[in-house]
N, C-alpha and C. Protein backbone atom coordinates (compact mmCIF):
# COMPACT_ATOMS: atom_id res chain seq x y z
N MET A 1 106.09 -67.52 158.43
CA MET A 1 104.53 -67.47 157.96
C MET A 1 104.58 -65.85 157.59
N GLN A 2 105.09 -64.70 158.18
CA GLN A 2 104.86 -63.64 157.68
C GLN A 2 105.15 -63.60 156.08
N ARG A 3 106.21 -64.46 155.80
CA ARG A 3 106.45 -64.36 154.53
C ARG A 3 105.74 -64.79 153.55
N THR A 4 104.95 -65.89 153.80
CA THR A 4 103.87 -66.50 153.23
C THR A 4 102.59 -65.25 152.91
N TYR A 5 102.34 -64.91 154.00
CA TYR A 5 101.27 -63.67 153.98
C TYR A 5 101.72 -62.59 152.79
N GLN A 6 102.99 -61.99 152.82
CA GLN A 6 103.24 -61.32 151.69
C GLN A 6 103.66 -61.56 150.48
N LEU A 7 104.01 -63.00 150.28
CA LEU A 7 104.16 -63.38 148.80
C LEU A 7 102.92 -63.88 148.41
N GLU A 8 101.99 -64.04 149.14
CA GLU A 8 100.56 -64.83 148.58
C GLU A 8 99.78 -63.17 148.28
N ASN A 9 99.99 -62.09 148.88
CA ASN A 9 99.51 -60.82 148.43
C ASN A 9 100.07 -60.11 147.25
N GLN A 10 101.67 -60.37 147.44
CA GLN A 10 102.01 -59.87 146.10
C GLN A 10 101.92 -60.62 144.92
N LEU A 11 101.71 -62.02 145.18
CA LEU A 11 101.56 -62.76 143.61
C LEU A 11 100.13 -62.60 143.29
N MET A 12 99.04 -62.24 144.27
CA MET A 12 97.73 -61.79 143.55
C MET A 12 97.51 -60.57 143.31
N GLU A 13 98.47 -59.57 143.50
CA GLU A 13 98.71 -58.24 142.85
C GLU A 13 99.33 -58.50 141.35
N GLU A 14 100.11 -59.20 141.33
CA GLU A 14 100.75 -59.48 140.04
C GLU A 14 99.90 -60.06 138.90
N ALA A 15 98.84 -61.12 139.58
CA ALA A 15 97.91 -61.70 138.58
C ALA A 15 96.78 -60.71 138.36
N TYR A 16 96.51 -60.15 139.27
CA TYR A 16 95.57 -58.80 139.07
C TYR A 16 95.84 -58.19 137.70
N THR A 17 97.14 -57.60 138.13
CA THR A 17 97.54 -56.59 137.03
C THR A 17 97.50 -57.20 135.74
N GLU A 18 98.11 -58.58 135.53
CA GLU A 18 98.26 -59.13 134.50
C GLU A 18 96.84 -59.76 133.72
N LEU A 19 95.95 -59.74 134.70
CA LEU A 19 94.33 -60.04 134.03
C LEU A 19 93.77 -58.77 133.61
N LYS A 20 94.06 -57.50 134.47
CA LYS A 20 93.60 -56.13 134.05
C LYS A 20 93.74 -55.91 132.74
N THR A 21 95.18 -56.09 132.37
CA THR A 21 95.66 -55.27 131.12
C THR A 21 95.37 -56.43 130.14
N SER A 22 95.55 -57.86 130.27
CA SER A 22 95.31 -58.64 129.04
C SER A 22 93.92 -59.61 129.11
N CYS A 23 93.34 -59.30 130.02
CA CYS A 23 92.07 -60.19 130.48
C CYS A 23 92.26 -61.70 130.19
N ASN A 24 93.57 -62.11 130.57
CA ASN A 24 93.88 -63.46 130.36
C ASN A 24 95.04 -63.73 131.59
N VAL A 25 95.11 -64.85 131.84
CA VAL A 25 95.98 -65.17 132.63
C VAL A 25 97.23 -66.15 132.13
N SER A 26 98.36 -66.08 132.14
CA SER A 26 98.88 -66.97 131.46
C SER A 26 99.13 -68.22 132.18
N GLU A 27 99.97 -69.15 131.53
CA GLU A 27 99.78 -70.65 131.88
C GLU A 27 101.19 -70.31 133.23
N ARG A 28 102.02 -69.54 132.87
CA ARG A 28 103.07 -69.48 134.01
C ARG A 28 102.35 -68.55 135.59
N THR A 29 101.86 -67.99 135.19
CA THR A 29 101.09 -67.17 136.21
C THR A 29 99.86 -68.05 136.82
N LYS A 30 99.12 -68.70 136.09
CA LYS A 30 98.20 -69.71 136.51
C LYS A 30 98.79 -71.02 137.68
N ASP A 31 99.97 -71.39 136.74
CA ASP A 31 100.90 -72.31 137.53
C ASP A 31 101.44 -71.70 139.13
N ALA A 32 101.89 -70.72 139.14
CA ALA A 32 102.27 -69.91 140.30
C ALA A 32 101.13 -69.88 141.22
N LEU A 33 100.03 -69.29 140.60
CA LEU A 33 98.53 -69.09 141.61
C LEU A 33 98.33 -70.87 142.34
N LEU A 34 98.44 -71.69 141.31
CA LEU A 34 97.81 -73.01 142.05
C LEU A 34 98.95 -73.50 142.78
N LYS A 35 100.08 -73.11 142.68
CA LYS A 35 101.08 -73.76 143.57
C LYS A 35 100.83 -72.93 144.75
N ALA A 36 101.01 -71.61 144.93
CA ALA A 36 100.71 -70.96 146.07
C ALA A 36 99.51 -70.99 146.87
N PHE A 37 98.47 -71.00 146.20
CA PHE A 37 96.91 -71.17 146.66
C PHE A 37 96.14 -72.29 146.47
N GLY A 38 96.80 -73.44 145.77
CA GLY A 38 96.20 -74.79 145.64
C GLY A 38 94.63 -74.41 145.37
N GLU A 39 93.84 -75.03 146.43
CA GLU A 39 92.32 -75.12 146.43
C GLU A 39 91.62 -73.89 146.49
N ARG A 40 92.33 -72.93 147.20
CA ARG A 40 91.69 -71.69 147.36
C ARG A 40 91.69 -70.99 145.82
N PHE A 41 92.47 -71.23 145.29
CA PHE A 41 92.80 -70.27 143.81
C PHE A 41 91.57 -71.24 142.75
N THR A 42 91.76 -72.50 142.97
CA THR A 42 90.70 -73.08 142.32
C THR A 42 89.00 -73.03 142.43
N ASN A 43 88.84 -72.48 143.79
CA ASN A 43 87.83 -72.31 144.31
C ASN A 43 87.31 -70.86 144.09
N GLY A 44 88.26 -69.67 144.11
CA GLY A 44 88.26 -68.43 143.88
C GLY A 44 88.03 -68.12 142.39
N TRP A 45 88.54 -69.24 141.56
CA TRP A 45 88.43 -68.91 140.01
C TRP A 45 86.96 -69.26 139.62
N LYS A 46 86.67 -70.30 140.38
CA LYS A 46 85.26 -70.85 140.00
C LYS A 46 84.08 -69.67 140.40
N LEU A 47 84.26 -69.18 141.61
CA LEU A 47 83.25 -68.03 142.22
C LEU A 47 83.35 -66.76 141.22
N ALA A 48 84.67 -66.48 140.50
CA ALA A 48 85.07 -65.45 139.83
C ALA A 48 84.24 -65.64 138.79
N ASN A 49 84.14 -66.66 137.85
CA ASN A 49 83.56 -67.25 136.58
C ASN A 49 82.17 -67.80 136.73
N SER A 50 81.49 -67.48 137.96
CA SER A 50 80.14 -68.08 138.01
C SER A 50 79.34 -67.22 138.78
N ASN A 51 79.72 -65.68 138.52
CA ASN A 51 78.61 -64.68 138.88
C ASN A 51 78.38 -64.70 140.36
N ARG A 52 79.23 -64.99 141.09
CA ARG A 52 79.22 -65.35 142.71
C ARG A 52 79.86 -64.10 143.41
N VAL A 53 80.39 -62.99 142.64
CA VAL A 53 81.00 -61.99 143.18
C VAL A 53 80.00 -60.75 143.17
N ARG A 54 79.64 -59.91 143.86
CA ARG A 54 78.60 -58.72 143.94
C ARG A 54 79.76 -57.37 144.22
N ARG A 55 78.98 -56.42 143.62
CA ARG A 55 79.36 -54.92 143.86
C ARG A 55 78.56 -54.01 144.07
N TYR A 56 77.97 -53.86 145.46
CA TYR A 56 76.82 -53.03 145.75
C TYR A 56 77.27 -51.58 145.61
N GLU A 57 76.59 -51.13 144.61
CA GLU A 57 76.87 -49.57 144.53
C GLU A 57 75.80 -48.66 144.67
N PHE A 58 76.41 -47.51 145.88
CA PHE A 58 75.18 -46.69 146.58
C PHE A 58 75.30 -45.27 145.71
N LYS A 59 74.15 -44.82 145.54
CA LYS A 59 74.06 -43.52 144.80
C LYS A 59 73.15 -42.52 145.71
N PRO A 60 73.48 -41.69 145.87
CA PRO A 60 74.30 -40.44 145.02
C PRO A 60 75.76 -40.63 145.10
N SER A 61 76.21 -41.32 146.20
CA SER A 61 77.46 -40.98 147.05
C SER A 61 78.88 -41.81 145.99
N GLY A 62 78.54 -42.69 145.29
CA GLY A 62 79.11 -43.48 144.59
C GLY A 62 80.35 -44.63 145.53
N ARG A 63 79.73 -44.70 146.83
CA ARG A 63 80.32 -45.44 147.67
C ARG A 63 79.96 -47.13 146.98
N PHE A 64 80.84 -48.15 147.14
CA PHE A 64 80.62 -49.64 146.70
C PHE A 64 81.19 -50.25 147.80
N VAL A 65 80.53 -51.57 147.83
CA VAL A 65 80.92 -52.95 148.82
C VAL A 65 80.98 -53.75 148.19
N TRP A 66 82.25 -54.63 148.13
CA TRP A 66 82.18 -55.99 147.66
C TRP A 66 81.73 -57.14 148.60
N ALA A 67 81.24 -58.18 147.98
CA ALA A 67 80.63 -59.18 148.69
C ALA A 67 80.66 -60.50 147.71
N VAL A 68 81.07 -61.72 148.38
CA VAL A 68 81.33 -62.71 147.71
C VAL A 68 80.41 -63.92 147.96
N LEU A 69 79.70 -64.65 147.31
CA LEU A 69 78.70 -65.42 147.78
C LEU A 69 79.50 -66.91 148.01
N GLY A 70 79.86 -67.26 149.28
CA GLY A 70 80.48 -68.36 149.41
C GLY A 70 79.75 -69.73 150.00
N ARG A 71 80.59 -70.67 150.17
CA ARG A 71 79.55 -72.22 150.73
C ARG A 71 78.50 -71.94 151.96
N LYS A 72 78.98 -70.87 152.61
CA LYS A 72 78.29 -71.02 153.68
C LYS A 72 77.59 -69.43 153.94
N GLY A 73 77.52 -68.58 152.71
CA GLY A 73 76.80 -67.28 152.78
C GLY A 73 77.49 -66.10 152.02
N GLU A 74 77.06 -65.24 152.53
CA GLU A 74 77.55 -63.89 151.67
C GLU A 74 78.57 -63.34 152.30
N TYR A 75 80.11 -63.15 151.96
CA TYR A 75 80.88 -62.15 152.99
C TYR A 75 81.13 -61.27 152.30
N GLN A 76 81.38 -60.19 152.81
CA GLN A 76 81.91 -58.66 152.64
C GLN A 76 83.36 -58.87 152.50
N VAL A 77 83.95 -58.42 151.34
CA VAL A 77 85.30 -58.28 151.13
C VAL A 77 85.89 -57.07 150.69
N ILE A 78 86.89 -56.57 151.53
CA ILE A 78 87.64 -55.32 151.41
C ILE A 78 88.90 -55.42 150.79
N PRO A 79 89.17 -55.29 149.58
CA PRO A 79 90.33 -55.71 148.75
C PRO A 79 91.53 -54.91 148.93
N ASP A 80 91.33 -53.59 149.42
CA ASP A 80 92.51 -53.00 149.77
C ASP A 80 93.35 -53.20 150.72
N ILE A 81 92.88 -53.87 151.77
CA ILE A 81 93.22 -53.75 152.83
C ILE A 81 94.21 -55.31 153.13
N PRO A 82 93.90 -56.47 152.33
CA PRO A 82 92.67 -57.07 152.05
C PRO A 82 92.16 -57.70 153.41
N PHE A 83 90.79 -57.67 153.12
CA PHE A 83 90.01 -58.14 154.60
C PHE A 83 88.85 -58.91 153.96
N CYS A 84 88.18 -60.09 154.48
CA CYS A 84 87.14 -61.00 154.47
C CYS A 84 86.65 -61.19 155.78
N TYR A 85 85.08 -61.65 155.85
CA TYR A 85 84.62 -61.64 157.10
C TYR A 85 84.30 -63.19 157.40
N CYS A 86 85.25 -63.96 156.61
CA CYS A 86 84.75 -65.38 156.76
C CYS A 86 85.80 -65.93 157.95
N ASP A 87 85.37 -67.56 158.10
CA ASP A 87 86.20 -67.78 159.29
C ASP A 87 87.61 -68.19 158.80
N ASP A 88 87.87 -68.87 157.43
CA ASP A 88 89.38 -68.73 157.07
C ASP A 88 90.13 -67.56 157.38
N TYR A 89 89.47 -66.43 157.06
CA TYR A 89 90.17 -65.16 157.41
C TYR A 89 90.71 -64.88 158.79
N TYR A 90 89.68 -64.91 159.52
CA TYR A 90 89.78 -64.82 161.04
C TYR A 90 90.58 -65.91 161.73
N PHE A 91 90.71 -67.14 161.20
CA PHE A 91 91.43 -68.32 161.84
C PHE A 91 92.77 -68.57 161.21
N ARG A 92 93.07 -68.03 159.97
CA ARG A 92 94.35 -68.43 159.34
C ARG A 92 94.86 -67.14 158.76
N VAL A 93 94.32 -66.07 158.15
CA VAL A 93 94.82 -65.08 157.56
C VAL A 93 95.41 -64.28 158.77
N MET A 94 94.36 -63.83 159.63
CA MET A 94 94.91 -63.30 160.62
C MET A 94 95.93 -63.60 161.56
N GLU A 95 96.13 -65.08 161.45
CA GLU A 95 97.15 -65.63 162.34
C GLU A 95 98.60 -65.73 161.44
N LYS A 96 98.37 -64.98 160.37
CA LYS A 96 99.40 -64.99 159.44
C LYS A 96 100.18 -66.29 158.90
N LYS A 97 99.21 -67.40 158.77
CA LYS A 97 99.23 -68.63 158.18
C LYS A 97 99.16 -68.65 156.60
N ARG A 98 98.25 -67.73 156.34
CA ARG A 98 97.71 -67.65 154.93
C ARG A 98 97.81 -66.13 154.75
N GLY A 99 97.84 -65.60 153.21
CA GLY A 99 97.90 -64.38 153.17
C GLY A 99 96.55 -64.01 152.49
N LEU A 100 95.64 -65.03 152.04
CA LEU A 100 94.44 -64.63 151.45
C LEU A 100 93.34 -65.75 151.55
N CYS A 101 92.20 -65.51 151.71
CA CYS A 101 91.14 -66.80 151.67
C CYS A 101 90.53 -66.49 150.21
N TYR A 102 90.00 -67.72 150.18
CA TYR A 102 89.47 -67.96 148.65
C TYR A 102 88.60 -66.83 148.25
N HIS A 103 87.63 -66.02 148.88
CA HIS A 103 86.62 -65.16 149.01
C HIS A 103 87.44 -63.84 148.45
N ILE A 104 88.59 -63.42 148.73
CA ILE A 104 89.31 -62.43 148.36
C ILE A 104 90.11 -62.78 146.99
N ILE A 105 90.42 -63.86 146.96
CA ILE A 105 91.06 -64.25 145.76
C ILE A 105 90.00 -64.20 144.38
N ALA A 106 88.59 -64.64 144.84
CA ALA A 106 87.47 -64.50 143.96
C ALA A 106 87.21 -63.39 143.63
N GLN A 107 87.02 -62.21 144.54
CA GLN A 107 86.70 -60.82 144.37
C GLN A 107 87.99 -60.06 143.50
N ARG A 108 89.26 -60.38 143.84
CA ARG A 108 90.30 -59.72 143.02
C ARG A 108 90.29 -60.30 141.45
N LEU A 109 89.85 -61.55 141.22
CA LEU A 109 89.90 -62.36 140.00
C LEU A 109 88.62 -61.52 139.24
N ALA A 110 87.58 -61.51 139.67
CA ALA A 110 86.33 -61.18 139.27
C ALA A 110 86.41 -59.50 138.94
N GLU A 111 86.84 -58.93 139.65
CA GLU A 111 87.20 -57.28 139.72
C GLU A 111 88.22 -57.08 138.23
N ALA A 112 89.33 -57.84 138.26
CA ALA A 112 90.29 -57.85 137.31
C ALA A 112 89.51 -58.49 135.79
N LEU A 113 88.96 -59.21 135.75
CA LEU A 113 88.34 -59.40 134.63
C LEU A 113 86.77 -58.86 134.35
N GLU A 114 86.33 -58.18 135.43
CA GLU A 114 85.16 -57.53 135.13
C GLU A 114 84.17 -58.51 135.14
N LYS A 115 84.09 -59.42 135.64
CA LYS A 115 83.18 -60.25 135.81
C LYS A 115 82.47 -60.46 137.18
N PHE A 116 81.67 -59.53 137.57
CA PHE A 116 81.05 -59.40 138.73
C PHE A 116 79.62 -58.59 138.65
N GLU A 117 78.88 -59.06 139.39
CA GLU A 117 77.42 -58.45 139.53
C GLU A 117 77.22 -56.83 140.04
N ARG A 118 76.72 -56.34 139.30
CA ARG A 118 76.38 -54.62 140.11
C ARG A 118 75.36 -54.93 140.36
N ILE A 119 75.15 -54.15 141.84
CA ILE A 119 73.87 -54.07 142.44
C ILE A 119 73.62 -52.91 142.79
N SER A 120 73.04 -51.88 141.98
CA SER A 120 72.56 -50.40 142.61
C SER A 120 71.64 -50.32 143.48
N ARG A 121 72.10 -49.30 144.72
CA ARG A 121 71.10 -49.15 145.60
C ARG A 121 71.32 -47.87 146.11
N ASN A 122 70.52 -47.36 146.67
CA ASN A 122 70.12 -45.93 147.22
C ASN A 122 71.30 -45.83 148.53
N ASP A 123 71.80 -44.57 148.61
CA ASP A 123 72.53 -44.52 149.84
C ASP A 123 71.91 -45.01 151.25
N SER A 124 70.48 -44.67 150.94
CA SER A 124 69.62 -44.84 152.38
C SER A 124 69.64 -46.51 152.33
N GLN A 125 70.04 -47.25 151.91
CA GLN A 125 70.05 -48.80 151.82
C GLN A 125 71.40 -49.19 152.43
N TYR A 126 72.43 -48.46 152.39
CA TYR A 126 73.88 -48.89 152.87
C TYR A 126 73.56 -49.34 154.18
N SER A 127 72.95 -49.07 155.07
CA SER A 127 73.12 -49.25 156.61
C SER A 127 72.68 -50.91 156.57
N SER A 128 71.51 -50.89 155.69
CA SER A 128 70.68 -52.26 156.07
C SER A 128 71.52 -53.20 155.26
N ILE A 129 71.95 -53.11 154.05
CA ILE A 129 72.56 -54.02 153.35
C ILE A 129 74.10 -54.36 154.34
N THR A 130 74.76 -53.23 154.89
CA THR A 130 76.00 -53.68 155.48
C THR A 130 75.68 -54.13 157.11
N LYS A 131 74.81 -53.96 157.36
CA LYS A 131 74.20 -54.55 158.59
C LYS A 131 74.65 -56.05 158.97
N ARG A 132 74.60 -56.85 158.26
CA ARG A 132 74.66 -58.30 158.35
C ARG A 132 76.12 -58.65 158.62
N TRP A 133 77.20 -57.27 158.41
CA TRP A 133 78.74 -57.69 158.47
C TRP A 133 79.17 -57.07 159.75
N ARG A 134 78.45 -56.05 160.12
CA ARG A 134 79.05 -55.43 161.56
C ARG A 134 79.04 -56.38 162.60
N ALA A 135 79.92 -55.72 163.47
CA ALA A 135 80.04 -56.56 164.78
C ALA A 135 78.84 -56.14 165.77
N LYS A 136 78.22 -57.18 166.64
CA LYS A 136 76.81 -56.79 167.33
C LYS A 136 77.20 -56.17 168.60
N GLU A 137 76.63 -55.31 169.00
CA GLU A 137 76.67 -54.73 170.53
C GLU A 137 76.49 -55.65 171.45
N LYS A 138 76.74 -55.94 172.42
CA LYS A 138 76.24 -56.88 173.71
C LYS A 138 74.73 -56.95 173.80
N ASN A 139 74.15 -55.65 173.81
CA ASN A 139 72.95 -55.81 174.15
C ASN A 139 72.01 -56.21 172.84
N GLU A 140 72.70 -56.09 171.73
CA GLU A 140 72.16 -56.53 170.34
C GLU A 140 71.95 -58.22 170.33
N GLU A 141 73.17 -58.97 170.98
CA GLU A 141 73.35 -60.27 171.20
C GLU A 141 72.22 -60.65 171.99
N SER A 142 71.93 -60.13 173.01
CA SER A 142 70.71 -60.58 174.10
C SER A 142 69.33 -60.74 173.50
N GLU A 143 69.30 -59.97 172.46
CA GLU A 143 67.84 -59.99 172.00
C GLU A 143 67.69 -61.06 171.08
């Protein structure tokens, strides 16, 4: 299972590099992505090409946050780790059954192709935007 996790992450990075340099994915790479990820690649590709990947950019700090609009809502994605707030990530990726959820795949594809929505916000709005993804304190849950 650890091997699947590593292979999926490595394959996604190779595809990212290929897309970033050529703005295209070769048939060989596309076939490898389909074989490794199956429906997750198909769903990620659709999201990346349908303006459902967002990059919130905060000024003047220059901080940014990635988010992907999936079937059940908007999920924060942290590609450098890689991490996502979706159930698939918690139940399959964290258990090392998979390397990536389709939201992370979508973010990586959209970033490489530069097909994402840029949303500019002031630094003062950072907390209100990221609030939905933070874990709730026990006393907040009972409110």
